[in-house]
Full PDB file with SEQRES, HELIX, SHEET, SSBOND, CRYST1, ORIGX, SCALE, CONECT and MASTER records, all heavy atoms in Angstrom:
SEQRES   1 A   41  HIS LYS ASN THR VAL TYR LEU GLN MET ASN SER LEU LYS          
SEQRES   2 A   41  PRO GLU ASP THR ALA VAL TYR TYR CYS ALA GLU ARG ILE          
SEQRES   3 A   41  VAL ASP SER ASP TYR ASN VAL ALA LYS SER PRO ASP GLU          
SEQRES   4 A   41  TYR ASP                                                      
HELIX    1 AA1 PRO A   14  ASP A   16  5                                   3    
HELIX    2 AA2 PRO A   37  GLU A   39  5                                   3    
CRYST1    1.000    1.000    1.000  90.00  90.00  90.00 P 1           1          
ORIGX1      1.000000  0.000000  0.000000        0.00000                         
ORIGX2      0.000000  1.000000  0.000000        0.00000                         
ORIGX3      0.000000  0.000000  1.000000        0.00000                         
SCALE1      1.000000  0.000000  0.000000        0.00000                         
SCALE2      0.000000  1.000000  0.000000        0.00000                         
SCALE3      0.000000  0.000000  1.000000        0.00000                         
ATOM      1  N   HIS A   1      -9.731  -9.500  -9.692  1.00  0.00           N  
ATOM      2  CA  HIS A   1     -11.124  -9.905  -9.900  1.00  0.00           C  
ATOM      3  C   HIS A   1     -12.004  -9.484  -8.726  1.00  0.00           C  
ATOM      4  O   HIS A   1     -13.208  -9.302  -8.884  1.00  0.00           O  
ATOM      5  CB  HIS A   1     -11.206 -11.410 -10.109  1.00  0.00           C  
ATOM      6  CG  HIS A   1     -10.506 -11.871 -11.354  1.00  0.00           C  
ATOM      7  ND1 HIS A   1     -10.963 -11.539 -12.620  1.00  0.00           N  
ATOM      8  CD2 HIS A   1      -9.398 -12.608 -11.529  1.00  0.00           C  
ATOM      9  CE1 HIS A   1     -10.151 -12.078 -13.523  1.00  0.00           C  
ATOM     10  NE2 HIS A   1      -9.197 -12.727 -12.888  1.00  0.00           N  
ATOM     11  N   LYS A   2     -11.386  -9.340  -7.565  1.00  0.00           N  
ATOM     12  CA  LYS A   2     -12.125  -8.940  -6.365  1.00  0.00           C  
ATOM     13  C   LYS A   2     -11.869  -7.475  -5.996  1.00  0.00           C  
ATOM     14  O   LYS A   2     -12.343  -7.016  -4.957  1.00  0.00           O  
ATOM     15  CB  LYS A   2     -11.744  -9.834  -5.185  1.00  0.00           C  
ATOM     16  CG  LYS A   2     -12.133 -11.294  -5.362  1.00  0.00           C  
ATOM     17  CD  LYS A   2     -11.786 -12.101  -4.126  1.00  0.00           C  
ATOM     18  CE  LYS A   2     -12.221 -13.563  -4.298  1.00  0.00           C  
ATOM     19  NZ  LYS A   2     -11.893 -14.389  -3.106  1.00  0.00           N  
ATOM     20  N   ASN A   3     -11.094  -6.767  -6.835  1.00  0.00           N  
ATOM     21  CA  ASN A   3     -10.766  -5.366  -6.540  1.00  0.00           C  
ATOM     22  C   ASN A   3     -10.165  -5.204  -5.147  1.00  0.00           C  
ATOM     23  O   ASN A   3     -10.451  -4.219  -4.449  1.00  0.00           O  
ATOM     24  CB  ASN A   3     -12.021  -4.476  -6.657  1.00  0.00           C  
ATOM     25  CG  ASN A   3     -12.371  -4.155  -8.087  1.00  0.00           C  
ATOM     26  OD1 ASN A   3     -11.935  -4.842  -9.002  1.00  0.00           O  
ATOM     27  ND2 ASN A   3     -13.177  -3.133  -8.291  1.00  0.00           N  
ATOM     28  N   THR A   4      -9.323  -6.132  -4.764  1.00  0.00           N  
ATOM     29  CA  THR A   4      -8.811  -6.139  -3.390  1.00  0.00           C  
ATOM     30  C   THR A   4      -7.301  -6.356  -3.368  1.00  0.00           C  
ATOM     31  O   THR A   4      -6.767  -7.167  -4.130  1.00  0.00           O  
ATOM     32  CB  THR A   4      -9.502  -7.242  -2.564  1.00  0.00           C  
ATOM     33  OG1 THR A   4     -10.916  -6.986  -2.532  1.00  0.00           O  
ATOM     34  CG2 THR A   4      -8.985  -7.270  -1.135  1.00  0.00           C  
ATOM     35  N   VAL A   5      -6.660  -5.606  -2.475  1.00  0.00           N  
ATOM     36  CA  VAL A   5      -5.243  -5.786  -2.174  1.00  0.00           C  
ATOM     37  C   VAL A   5      -5.126  -6.247  -0.736  1.00  0.00           C  
ATOM     38  O   VAL A   5      -5.862  -5.770   0.137  1.00  0.00           O  
ATOM     39  CB  VAL A   5      -4.464  -4.478  -2.393  1.00  0.00           C  
ATOM     40  CG1 VAL A   5      -3.052  -4.579  -1.840  1.00  0.00           C  
ATOM     41  CG2 VAL A   5      -4.416  -4.136  -3.878  1.00  0.00           C  
ATOM     42  N   TYR A   6      -4.207  -7.155  -0.490  1.00  0.00           N  
ATOM     43  CA  TYR A   6      -4.002  -7.719   0.841  1.00  0.00           C  
ATOM     44  C   TYR A   6      -2.606  -7.379   1.357  1.00  0.00           C  
ATOM     45  O   TYR A   6      -1.662  -7.243   0.581  1.00  0.00           O  
ATOM     46  CB  TYR A   6      -4.151  -9.241   0.796  1.00  0.00           C  
ATOM     47  CG  TYR A   6      -5.467  -9.713   0.227  1.00  0.00           C  
ATOM     48  CD1 TYR A   6      -5.573 -10.093  -1.105  1.00  0.00           C  
ATOM     49  CD2 TYR A   6      -6.616  -9.770   1.013  1.00  0.00           C  
ATOM     50  CE1 TYR A   6      -6.769 -10.515  -1.637  1.00  0.00           C  
ATOM     51  CE2 TYR A   6      -7.822 -10.192   0.482  1.00  0.00           C  
ATOM     52  CZ  TYR A   6      -7.894 -10.563  -0.842  1.00  0.00           C  
ATOM     53  OH  TYR A   6      -9.085 -10.981  -1.370  1.00  0.00           O  
ATOM     54  N   LEU A   7      -2.516  -7.288   2.667  1.00  0.00           N  
ATOM     55  CA  LEU A   7      -1.213  -7.150   3.308  1.00  0.00           C  
ATOM     56  C   LEU A   7      -1.167  -8.182   4.429  1.00  0.00           C  
ATOM     57  O   LEU A   7      -1.812  -8.014   5.466  1.00  0.00           O  
ATOM     58  CB  LEU A   7      -1.003  -5.741   3.861  1.00  0.00           C  
ATOM     59  CG  LEU A   7       0.395  -5.485   4.436  1.00  0.00           C  
ATOM     60  CD1 LEU A   7       1.444  -5.508   3.321  1.00  0.00           C  
ATOM     61  CD2 LEU A   7       0.444  -4.149   5.183  1.00  0.00           C  
ATOM     62  N   GLN A   8      -0.429  -9.248   4.190  1.00  0.00           N  
ATOM     63  CA  GLN A   8      -0.231 -10.281   5.209  1.00  0.00           C  
ATOM     64  C   GLN A   8       0.937  -9.856   6.083  1.00  0.00           C  
ATOM     65  O   GLN A   8       2.045  -9.647   5.593  1.00  0.00           O  
ATOM     66  CB  GLN A   8       0.064 -11.626   4.548  1.00  0.00           C  
ATOM     67  CG  GLN A   8       0.332 -12.748   5.522  1.00  0.00           C  
ATOM     68  CD  GLN A   8      -0.887 -13.124   6.350  1.00  0.00           C  
ATOM     69  OE1 GLN A   8      -1.990 -13.216   5.830  1.00  0.00           O  
ATOM     70  NE2 GLN A   8      -0.684 -13.326   7.652  1.00  0.00           N  
ATOM     71  N   MET A   9       0.664  -9.743   7.374  1.00  0.00           N  
ATOM     72  CA  MET A   9       1.679  -9.271   8.310  1.00  0.00           C  
ATOM     73  C   MET A   9       1.986 -10.365   9.309  1.00  0.00           C  
ATOM     74  O   MET A   9       1.110 -10.771  10.090  1.00  0.00           O  
ATOM     75  CB  MET A   9       1.186  -8.010   9.030  1.00  0.00           C  
ATOM     76  CG  MET A   9       0.725  -6.902   8.080  1.00  0.00           C  
ATOM     77  SD  MET A   9       0.331  -5.356   8.910  1.00  0.00           S  
ATOM     78  CE  MET A   9      -1.052  -5.869   9.914  1.00  0.00           C  
ATOM     79  N   ASN A  10       3.196 -10.870   9.288  1.00  0.00           N  
ATOM     80  CA  ASN A  10       3.643 -11.922  10.190  1.00  0.00           C  
ATOM     81  C   ASN A  10       4.733 -11.400  11.114  1.00  0.00           C  
ATOM     82  O   ASN A  10       5.327 -10.351  10.860  1.00  0.00           O  
ATOM     83  CB  ASN A  10       4.177 -13.110   9.380  1.00  0.00           C  
ATOM     84  CG  ASN A  10       3.124 -13.742   8.495  1.00  0.00           C  
ATOM     85  OD1 ASN A  10       1.929 -13.737   8.813  1.00  0.00           O  
ATOM     86  ND2 ASN A  10       3.553 -14.295   7.371  1.00  0.00           N  
ATOM     87  N   SER A  11       4.987 -12.136  12.166  1.00  0.00           N  
ATOM     88  CA  SER A  11       6.042 -11.784  13.120  1.00  0.00           C  
ATOM     89  C   SER A  11       5.922 -10.321  13.543  1.00  0.00           C  
ATOM     90  O   SER A  11       6.909  -9.573  13.559  1.00  0.00           O  
ATOM     91  CB  SER A  11       7.425 -12.041  12.515  1.00  0.00           C  
ATOM     92  OG  SER A  11       7.556 -13.382  12.115  1.00  0.00           O  
ATOM     93  N   LEU A  12       4.722  -9.936  13.909  1.00  0.00           N  
ATOM     94  CA  LEU A  12       4.477  -8.537  14.244  1.00  0.00           C  
ATOM     95  C   LEU A  12       5.228  -8.110  15.490  1.00  0.00           C  
ATOM     96  O   LEU A  12       5.437  -8.910  16.422  1.00  0.00           O  
ATOM     97  CB  LEU A  12       2.984  -8.302  14.420  1.00  0.00           C  
ATOM     98  CG  LEU A  12       2.209  -8.203  13.100  1.00  0.00           C  
ATOM     99  CD1 LEU A  12       0.719  -8.430  13.318  1.00  0.00           C  
ATOM    100  CD2 LEU A  12       2.454  -6.861  12.438  1.00  0.00           C  
ATOM    101  N   LYS A  13       5.646  -6.861  15.483  1.00  0.00           N  
ATOM    102  CA  LYS A  13       6.409  -6.278  16.585  1.00  0.00           C  
ATOM    103  C   LYS A  13       5.637  -5.081  17.149  1.00  0.00           C  
ATOM    104  O   LYS A  13       4.837  -4.463  16.442  1.00  0.00           O  
ATOM    105  CB  LYS A  13       7.765  -5.792  16.073  1.00  0.00           C  
ATOM    106  CG  LYS A  13       8.600  -6.849  15.368  1.00  0.00           C  
ATOM    107  CD  LYS A  13       9.872  -6.244  14.800  1.00  0.00           C  
ATOM    108  CE  LYS A  13      10.702  -7.278  14.067  1.00  0.00           C  
ATOM    109  NZ  LYS A  13      11.947  -6.692  13.512  1.00  0.00           N  
ATOM    110  N   PRO A  14       5.886  -4.717  18.397  1.00  0.00           N  
ATOM    111  CA  PRO A  14       5.207  -3.539  18.954  1.00  0.00           C  
ATOM    112  C   PRO A  14       5.414  -2.283  18.106  1.00  0.00           C  
ATOM    113  O   PRO A  14       4.514  -1.439  18.021  1.00  0.00           O  
ATOM    114  CB  PRO A  14       5.837  -3.408  20.341  1.00  0.00           C  
ATOM    115  CG  PRO A  14       6.214  -4.798  20.708  1.00  0.00           C  
ATOM    116  CD  PRO A  14       6.668  -5.439  19.431  1.00  0.00           C  
ATOM    117  N   GLU A  15       6.558  -2.159  17.466  1.00  0.00           N  
ATOM    118  CA  GLU A  15       6.820  -0.980  16.649  1.00  0.00           C  
ATOM    119  C   GLU A  15       6.012  -0.955  15.353  1.00  0.00           C  
ATOM    120  O   GLU A  15       6.052   0.037  14.612  1.00  0.00           O  
ATOM    121  CB  GLU A  15       8.314  -0.840  16.332  1.00  0.00           C  
ATOM    122  CG  GLU A  15       8.967  -2.084  15.778  1.00  0.00           C  
ATOM    123  CD  GLU A  15       9.673  -2.890  16.860  1.00  0.00           C  
ATOM    124  OE1 GLU A  15       9.077  -3.079  17.954  1.00  0.00           O  
ATOM    125  OE2 GLU A  15      10.799  -3.373  16.592  1.00  0.00           O  
ATOM    126  N   ASP A  16       5.285  -2.027  15.058  1.00  0.00           N  
ATOM    127  CA  ASP A  16       4.379  -2.030  13.908  1.00  0.00           C  
ATOM    128  C   ASP A  16       3.033  -1.384  14.255  1.00  0.00           C  
ATOM    129  O   ASP A  16       2.190  -1.205  13.370  1.00  0.00           O  
ATOM    130  CB  ASP A  16       4.123  -3.468  13.434  1.00  0.00           C  
ATOM    131  CG  ASP A  16       5.363  -4.128  12.858  1.00  0.00           C  
ATOM    132  OD1 ASP A  16       6.111  -3.458  12.120  1.00  0.00           O  
ATOM    133  OD2 ASP A  16       5.578  -5.316  13.162  1.00  0.00           O  
ATOM    134  N   THR A  17       2.837  -1.057  15.511  1.00  0.00           N  
ATOM    135  CA  THR A  17       1.591  -0.434  15.932  1.00  0.00           C  
ATOM    136  C   THR A  17       1.387   0.905  15.242  1.00  0.00           C  
ATOM    137  O   THR A  17       2.257   1.776  15.277  1.00  0.00           O  
ATOM    138  CB  THR A  17       1.582  -0.231  17.457  1.00  0.00           C  
ATOM    139  OG1 THR A  17       1.608  -1.510  18.096  1.00  0.00           O  
ATOM    140  CG2 THR A  17       0.342   0.530  17.907  1.00  0.00           C  
ATOM    141  N   ALA A  18       0.236   1.046  14.576  1.00  0.00           N  
ATOM    142  CA  ALA A  18      -0.059   2.262  13.809  1.00  0.00           C  
ATOM    143  C   ALA A  18      -1.440   2.122  13.183  1.00  0.00           C  
ATOM    144  O   ALA A  18      -2.033   1.038  13.211  1.00  0.00           O  
ATOM    145  CB  ALA A  18       0.972   2.477  12.709  1.00  0.00           C  
ATOM    146  N   VAL A  19      -1.911   3.214  12.606  1.00  0.00           N  
ATOM    147  CA  VAL A  19      -3.067   3.140  11.719  1.00  0.00           C  
ATOM    148  C   VAL A  19      -2.522   2.859  10.317  1.00  0.00           C  
ATOM    149  O   VAL A  19      -1.620   3.557   9.845  1.00  0.00           O  
ATOM    150  CB  VAL A  19      -3.877   4.445  11.726  1.00  0.00           C  
ATOM    151  CG1 VAL A  19      -5.032   4.363  10.733  1.00  0.00           C  
ATOM    152  CG2 VAL A  19      -4.396   4.738  13.133  1.00  0.00           C  
ATOM    153  N   TYR A  20      -3.065   1.839   9.696  1.00  0.00           N  
ATOM    154  CA  TYR A  20      -2.622   1.437   8.366  1.00  0.00           C  
ATOM    155  C   TYR A  20      -3.630   1.921   7.327  1.00  0.00           C  
ATOM    156  O   TYR A  20      -4.840   1.727   7.476  1.00  0.00           O  
ATOM    157  CB  TYR A  20      -2.483  -0.079   8.297  1.00  0.00           C  
ATOM    158  CG  TYR A  20      -1.223  -0.574   8.967  1.00  0.00           C  
ATOM    159  CD1 TYR A  20      -1.096  -0.513  10.350  1.00  0.00           C  
ATOM    160  CD2 TYR A  20      -0.156  -1.078   8.226  1.00  0.00           C  
ATOM    161  CE1 TYR A  20       0.068  -0.945  10.977  1.00  0.00           C  
ATOM    162  CE2 TYR A  20       1.004  -1.513   8.839  1.00  0.00           C  
ATOM    163  CZ  TYR A  20       1.118  -1.444  10.216  1.00  0.00           C  
ATOM    164  OH  TYR A  20       2.276  -1.858  10.830  1.00  0.00           O  
ATOM    165  N   TYR A  21      -3.094   2.537   6.280  1.00  0.00           N  
ATOM    166  CA  TYR A  21      -3.912   3.084   5.210  1.00  0.00           C  
ATOM    167  C   TYR A  21      -3.527   2.449   3.875  1.00  0.00           C  
ATOM    168  O   TYR A  21      -2.344   2.249   3.605  1.00  0.00           O  
ATOM    169  CB  TYR A  21      -3.695   4.587   5.067  1.00  0.00           C  
ATOM    170  CG  TYR A  21      -4.039   5.409   6.274  1.00  0.00           C  
ATOM    171  CD1 TYR A  21      -3.098   5.657   7.273  1.00  0.00           C  
ATOM    172  CD2 TYR A  21      -5.313   5.962   6.420  1.00  0.00           C  
ATOM    173  CE1 TYR A  21      -3.410   6.431   8.382  1.00  0.00           C  
ATOM    174  CE2 TYR A  21      -5.632   6.737   7.520  1.00  0.00           C  
ATOM    175  CZ  TYR A  21      -4.681   6.958   8.499  1.00  0.00           C  
ATOM    176  OH  TYR A  21      -4.993   7.726   9.589  1.00  0.00           O  
ATOM    177  N   CYS A  22      -4.522   2.175   3.048  1.00  0.00           N  
ATOM    178  CA  CYS A  22      -4.209   1.819   1.671  1.00  0.00           C  
ATOM    179  C   CYS A  22      -4.511   3.031   0.791  1.00  0.00           C  
ATOM    180  O   CYS A  22      -5.334   3.892   1.140  1.00  0.00           O  
ATOM    181  CB  CYS A  22      -4.976   0.596   1.193  1.00  0.00           C  
ATOM    182  SG  CYS A  22      -6.753   0.795   1.033  1.00  0.00           S  
ATOM    183  N   ALA A  23      -3.834   3.077  -0.334  1.00  0.00           N  
ATOM    184  CA  ALA A  23      -3.982   4.205  -1.245  1.00  0.00           C  
ATOM    185  C   ALA A  23      -3.783   3.729  -2.677  1.00  0.00           C  
ATOM    186  O   ALA A  23      -3.084   2.742  -2.918  1.00  0.00           O  
ATOM    187  CB  ALA A  23      -2.965   5.290  -0.913  1.00  0.00           C  
ATOM    188  N   GLU A  24      -4.409   4.441  -3.603  1.00  0.00           N  
ATOM    189  CA  GLU A  24      -4.321   4.085  -5.018  1.00  0.00           C  
ATOM    190  C   GLU A  24      -3.824   5.259  -5.845  1.00  0.00           C  
ATOM    191  O   GLU A  24      -4.078   6.419  -5.523  1.00  0.00           O  
ATOM    192  CB  GLU A  24      -5.705   3.691  -5.556  1.00  0.00           C  
ATOM    193  CG  GLU A  24      -6.195   2.329  -5.170  1.00  0.00           C  
ATOM    194  CD  GLU A  24      -7.473   1.954  -5.896  1.00  0.00           C  
ATOM    195  OE1 GLU A  24      -8.134   2.854  -6.448  1.00  0.00           O  
ATOM    196  OE2 GLU A  24      -7.806   0.766  -5.911  1.00  0.00           O  
ATOM    197  N   ARG A  25      -3.144   4.929  -6.925  1.00  0.00           N  
ATOM    198  CA  ARG A  25      -2.787   5.937  -7.914  1.00  0.00           C  
ATOM    199  C   ARG A  25      -2.917   5.312  -9.292  1.00  0.00           C  
ATOM    200  O   ARG A  25      -2.514   4.168  -9.497  1.00  0.00           O  
ATOM    201  CB  ARG A  25      -1.372   6.469  -7.699  1.00  0.00           C  
ATOM    202  CG  ARG A  25      -0.290   5.427  -7.707  1.00  0.00           C  
ATOM    203  CD  ARG A  25       1.039   6.002  -7.242  1.00  0.00           C  
ATOM    204  NE  ARG A  25       1.569   7.022  -8.127  1.00  0.00           N  
ATOM    205  CZ  ARG A  25       2.446   6.771  -9.085  1.00  0.00           C  
ATOM    206  NH1 ARG A  25       2.891   5.541  -9.301  1.00  0.00           N  
ATOM    207  NH2 ARG A  25       2.905   7.752  -9.846  1.00  0.00           N  
ATOM    208  N   ILE A  26      -3.497   6.053 -10.219  1.00  0.00           N  
ATOM    209  CA  ILE A  26      -3.656   5.521 -11.571  1.00  0.00           C  
ATOM    210  C   ILE A  26      -2.310   5.595 -12.275  1.00  0.00           C  
ATOM    211  O   ILE A  26      -1.593   6.597 -12.161  1.00  0.00           O  
ATOM    212  CB  ILE A  26      -4.757   6.285 -12.341  1.00  0.00           C  
ATOM    213  CG1 ILE A  26      -5.115   5.544 -13.632  1.00  0.00           C  
ATOM    214  CG2 ILE A  26      -4.366   7.732 -12.606  1.00  0.00           C  
ATOM    215  CD1 ILE A  26      -6.393   6.028 -14.273  1.00  0.00           C  
ATOM    216  N   VAL A  27      -1.958   4.516 -12.962  1.00  0.00           N  
ATOM    217  CA  VAL A  27      -0.654   4.438 -13.622  1.00  0.00           C  
ATOM    218  C   VAL A  27      -0.818   3.875 -15.028  1.00  0.00           C  
ATOM    219  O   VAL A  27      -1.804   3.206 -15.329  1.00  0.00           O  
ATOM    220  CB  VAL A  27       0.326   3.555 -12.822  1.00  0.00           C  
ATOM    221  CG1 VAL A  27       0.666   4.181 -11.483  1.00  0.00           C  
ATOM    222  CG2 VAL A  27      -0.231   2.145 -12.623  1.00  0.00           C  
ATOM    223  N   ASP A  28       0.208   4.123 -15.851  1.00  0.00           N  
ATOM    224  CA  ASP A  28       0.133   3.663 -17.233  1.00  0.00           C  
ATOM    225  C   ASP A  28       0.915   2.377 -17.471  1.00  0.00           C  
ATOM    226  O   ASP A  28       0.873   1.825 -18.565  1.00  0.00           O  
ATOM    227  CB  ASP A  28       0.630   4.757 -18.179  1.00  0.00           C  
ATOM    228  CG  ASP A  28       2.015   5.257 -17.811  1.00  0.00           C  
ATOM    229  OD1 ASP A  28       2.629   4.706 -16.860  1.00  0.00           O  
ATOM    230  OD2 ASP A  28       2.495   6.189 -18.455  1.00  0.00           O  
ATOM    231  N   SER A  29       1.639   1.917 -16.431  1.00  0.00           N  
ATOM    232  CA  SER A  29       2.394   0.680 -16.599  1.00  0.00           C  
ATOM    233  C   SER A  29       2.743   0.104 -15.243  1.00  0.00           C  
ATOM    234  O   SER A  29       2.613   0.762 -14.207  1.00  0.00           O  
ATOM    235  CB  SER A  29       3.673   0.937 -17.398  1.00  0.00           C  
ATOM    236  OG  SER A  29       4.669   1.512 -16.574  1.00  0.00           O  
ATOM    237  N   ASP A  30       3.203  -1.131 -15.254  1.00  0.00           N  
ATOM    238  CA  ASP A  30       3.656  -1.791 -14.024  1.00  0.00           C  
ATOM    239  C   ASP A  30       4.947  -1.193 -13.491  1.00  0.00           C  
ATOM    240  O   ASP A  30       5.327  -1.442 -12.348  1.00  0.00           O  
ATOM    241  CB  ASP A  30       3.856  -3.285 -14.275  1.00  0.00           C  
ATOM    242  CG  ASP A  30       2.570  -4.067 -14.131  1.00  0.00           C  
ATOM    243  OD1 ASP A  30       1.890  -3.893 -13.101  1.00  0.00           O  
ATOM    244  OD2 ASP A  30       2.253  -4.839 -15.041  1.00  0.00           O  
ATOM    245  N   TYR A  31       5.640  -0.400 -14.314  1.00  0.00           N  
ATOM    246  CA  TYR A  31       6.930   0.141 -13.891  1.00  0.00           C  
ATOM    247  C   TYR A  31       6.790   1.521 -13.252  1.00  0.00           C  
ATOM    248  O   TYR A  31       7.770   2.094 -12.787  1.00  0.00           O  
ATOM    249  CB  TYR A  31       7.871   0.202 -15.101  1.00  0.00           C  
ATOM    250  CG  TYR A  31       8.044  -1.150 -15.734  1.00  0.00           C  
ATOM    251  CD1 TYR A  31       7.375  -1.486 -16.912  1.00  0.00           C  
ATOM    252  CD2 TYR A  31       8.838  -2.120 -15.133  1.00  0.00           C  
ATOM    253  CE1 TYR A  31       7.502  -2.737 -17.487  1.00  0.00           C  
ATOM    254  CE2 TYR A  31       8.971  -3.378 -15.706  1.00  0.00           C  
ATOM    255  CZ  TYR A  31       8.306  -3.672 -16.881  1.00  0.00           C  
ATOM    256  OH  TYR A  31       8.416  -4.910 -17.438  1.00  0.00           O  
ATOM    257  N   ASN A  32       5.589   2.036 -13.248  1.00  0.00           N  
ATOM    258  CA  ASN A  32       5.322   3.342 -12.665  1.00  0.00           C  
ATOM    259  C   ASN A  32       4.946   3.136 -11.206  1.00  0.00           C  
ATOM    260  O   ASN A  32       3.803   2.804 -10.892  1.00  0.00           O  
ATOM    261  CB  ASN A  32       4.194   4.033 -13.431  1.00  0.00           C  
ATOM    262  CG  ASN A  32       3.992   5.464 -12.996  1.00  0.00           C  
ATOM    263  OD1 ASN A  32       4.449   5.872 -11.930  1.00  0.00           O  
ATOM    264  ND2 ASN A  32       3.306   6.228 -13.808  1.00  0.00           N  
ATOM    265  N   VAL A  33       5.926   3.274 -10.305  1.00  0.00           N  
ATOM    266  CA  VAL A  33       5.700   3.034  -8.887  1.00  0.00           C  
ATOM    267  C   VAL A  33       6.135   4.259  -8.095  1.00  0.00           C  
ATOM    268  O   VAL A  33       6.968   5.036  -8.551  1.00  0.00           O  
ATOM    269  CB  VAL A  33       6.434   1.782  -8.393  1.00  0.00           C  
ATOM    270  CG1 VAL A  33       5.897   0.542  -9.068  1.00  0.00           C  
ATOM    271  CG2 VAL A  33       7.939   1.914  -8.601  1.00  0.00           C  
ATOM    272  N   ALA A  34       5.588   4.403  -6.915  1.00  0.00           N  
ATOM    273  CA  ALA A  34       5.934   5.555  -6.080  1.00  0.00           C  
ATOM    274  C   ALA A  34       5.781   5.178  -4.614  1.00  0.00           C  
ATOM    275  O   ALA A  34       4.820   4.495  -4.241  1.00  0.00           O  
ATOM    276  CB  ALA A  34       5.027   6.737  -6.402  1.00  0.00           C  
ATOM    277  N   LYS A  35       6.724   5.627  -3.799  1.00  0.00           N  
ATOM    278  CA  LYS A  35       6.698   5.345  -2.376  1.00  0.00           C  
ATOM    279  C   LYS A  35       6.284   6.554  -1.548  1.00  0.00           C  
ATOM    280  O   LYS A  35       6.112   6.428  -0.339  1.00  0.00           O  
ATOM    281  CB  LYS A  35       8.070   4.851  -1.922  1.00  0.00           C  
ATOM    282  CG  LYS A  35       8.495   3.550  -2.589  1.00  0.00           C  
ATOM    283  CD  LYS A  35       9.853   3.093  -2.100  1.00  0.00           C  
ATOM    284  CE  LYS A  35      10.271   1.794  -2.791  1.00  0.00           C  
ATOM    285  NZ  LYS A  35      11.600   1.340  -2.345  1.00  0.00           N  
ATOM    286  N   SER A  36       6.143   7.703  -2.173  1.00  0.00           N  
ATOM    287  CA  SER A  36       5.736   8.889  -1.436  1.00  0.00           C  
ATOM    288  C   SER A  36       4.219   8.963  -1.354  1.00  0.00           C  
ATOM    289  O   SER A  36       3.539   8.817  -2.373  1.00  0.00           O  
ATOM    290  CB  SER A  36       6.243  10.153  -2.126  1.00  0.00           C  
ATOM    291  OG  SER A  36       5.642  11.301  -1.573  1.00  0.00           O  
ATOM    292  N   PRO A  37       3.672   9.212  -0.173  1.00  0.00           N  
ATOM    293  CA  PRO A  37       2.221   9.339  -0.059  1.00  0.00           C  
ATOM    294  C   PRO A  37       1.671  10.475  -0.905  1.00  0.00           C  
ATOM    295  O   PRO A  37       0.498  10.427  -1.304  1.00  0.00           O  
ATOM    296  CB  PRO A  37       1.988   9.570   1.442  1.00  0.00           C  
ATOM    297  CG  PRO A  37       3.301   9.958   1.997  1.00  0.00           C  
ATOM    298  CD  PRO A  37       4.343   9.344   1.143  1.00  0.00           C  
ATOM    299  N   ASP A  38       2.477  11.456  -1.214  1.00  0.00           N  
ATOM    300  CA  ASP A  38       2.009  12.587  -2.024  1.00  0.00           C  
ATOM    301  C   ASP A  38       1.654  12.175  -3.447  1.00  0.00           C  
ATOM    302  O   ASP A  38       0.953  12.908  -4.140  1.00  0.00           O  
ATOM    303  CB  ASP A  38       3.080  13.678  -2.072  1.00  0.00           C  
ATOM    304  CG  ASP A  38       3.344  14.291  -0.715  1.00  0.00           C  
ATOM    305  OD1 ASP A  38       2.443  14.215   0.149  1.00  0.00           O  
ATOM    306  OD2 ASP A  38       4.433  14.837  -0.509  1.00  0.00           O  
ATOM    307  N   GLU A  39       2.142  11.037  -3.885  1.00  0.00           N  
ATOM    308  CA  GLU A  39       1.904  10.564  -5.254  1.00  0.00           C  
ATOM    309  C   GLU A  39       0.572   9.835  -5.403  1.00  0.00           C  
ATOM    310  O   GLU A  39       0.187   9.488  -6.512  1.00  0.00           O  
ATOM    311  CB  GLU A  39       3.027   9.631  -5.685  1.00  0.00           C  
ATOM    312  CG  GLU A  39       4.408  10.265  -5.694  1.00  0.00           C  
ATOM    313  CD  GLU A  39       4.578  11.273  -6.805  1.00  0.00           C  
ATOM    314  OE1 GLU A  39       3.876  11.159  -7.833  1.00  0.00           O  
ATOM    315  OE2 GLU A  39       5.407  12.182  -6.657  1.00  0.00           O  
ATOM    316  N   TYR A  40      -0.124   9.598  -4.311  1.00  0.00           N  
ATOM    317  CA  TYR A  40      -1.346   8.795  -4.350  1.00  0.00           C  
ATOM    318  C   TYR A  40      -2.589   9.664  -4.378  1.00  0.00           C  
ATOM    319  O   TYR A  40      -2.648  10.706  -3.732  1.00  0.00           O  
ATOM    320  CB  TYR A  40      -1.369   7.817  -3.172  1.00  0.00           C  
ATOM    321  CG  TYR A  40      -0.396   6.691  -3.389  1.00  0.00           C  
ATOM    322  CD1 TYR A  40       0.977   6.884  -3.189  1.00  0.00           C  
ATOM    323  CD2 TYR A  40      -0.823   5.445  -3.841  1.00  0.00           C  
ATOM    324  CE1 TYR A  40       1.885   5.867  -3.435  1.00  0.00           C  
ATOM    325  CE2 TYR A  40       0.072   4.415  -4.080  1.00  0.00           C  
ATOM    326  CZ  TYR A  40       1.424   4.641  -3.878  1.00  0.00           C  
ATOM    327  OH  TYR A  40       2.321   3.631  -4.121  1.00  0.00           O  
ATOM    328  N   ASP A  41      -3.563   9.189  -5.139  1.00  0.00           N  
ATOM    329  CA  ASP A  41      -4.753   9.987  -5.407  1.00  0.00           C  
ATOM    330  C   ASP A  41      -5.915   9.693  -4.460  1.00  0.00           C  
ATOM    331  O   ASP A  41      -6.708  10.585  -4.148  1.00  0.00           O  
ATOM    332  CB  ASP A  41      -5.237   9.725  -6.840  1.00  0.00           C  
ATOM    333  CG  ASP A  41      -4.160  10.025  -7.870  1.00  0.00           C  
ATOM    334  OD1 ASP A  41      -3.607  11.144  -7.815  1.00  0.00           O  
ATOM    335  OD2 ASP A  41      -3.872   9.149  -8.711  1.00  0.00           O  
TER     336      ASP A  41                                                      
MASTER        0    0    0    2    0    0    0    6  335    1    0    4          
END                                                                             
């Protein structure tokens, strides 16, 4: 309803230091998932 995705990050470690990016890809079902950044539009 808010067009928003959240990432709650707890117990952060120095190795979590980075630039964090969100990305979207249009899909036809909840089962269509991808972990490669190349799959995102």
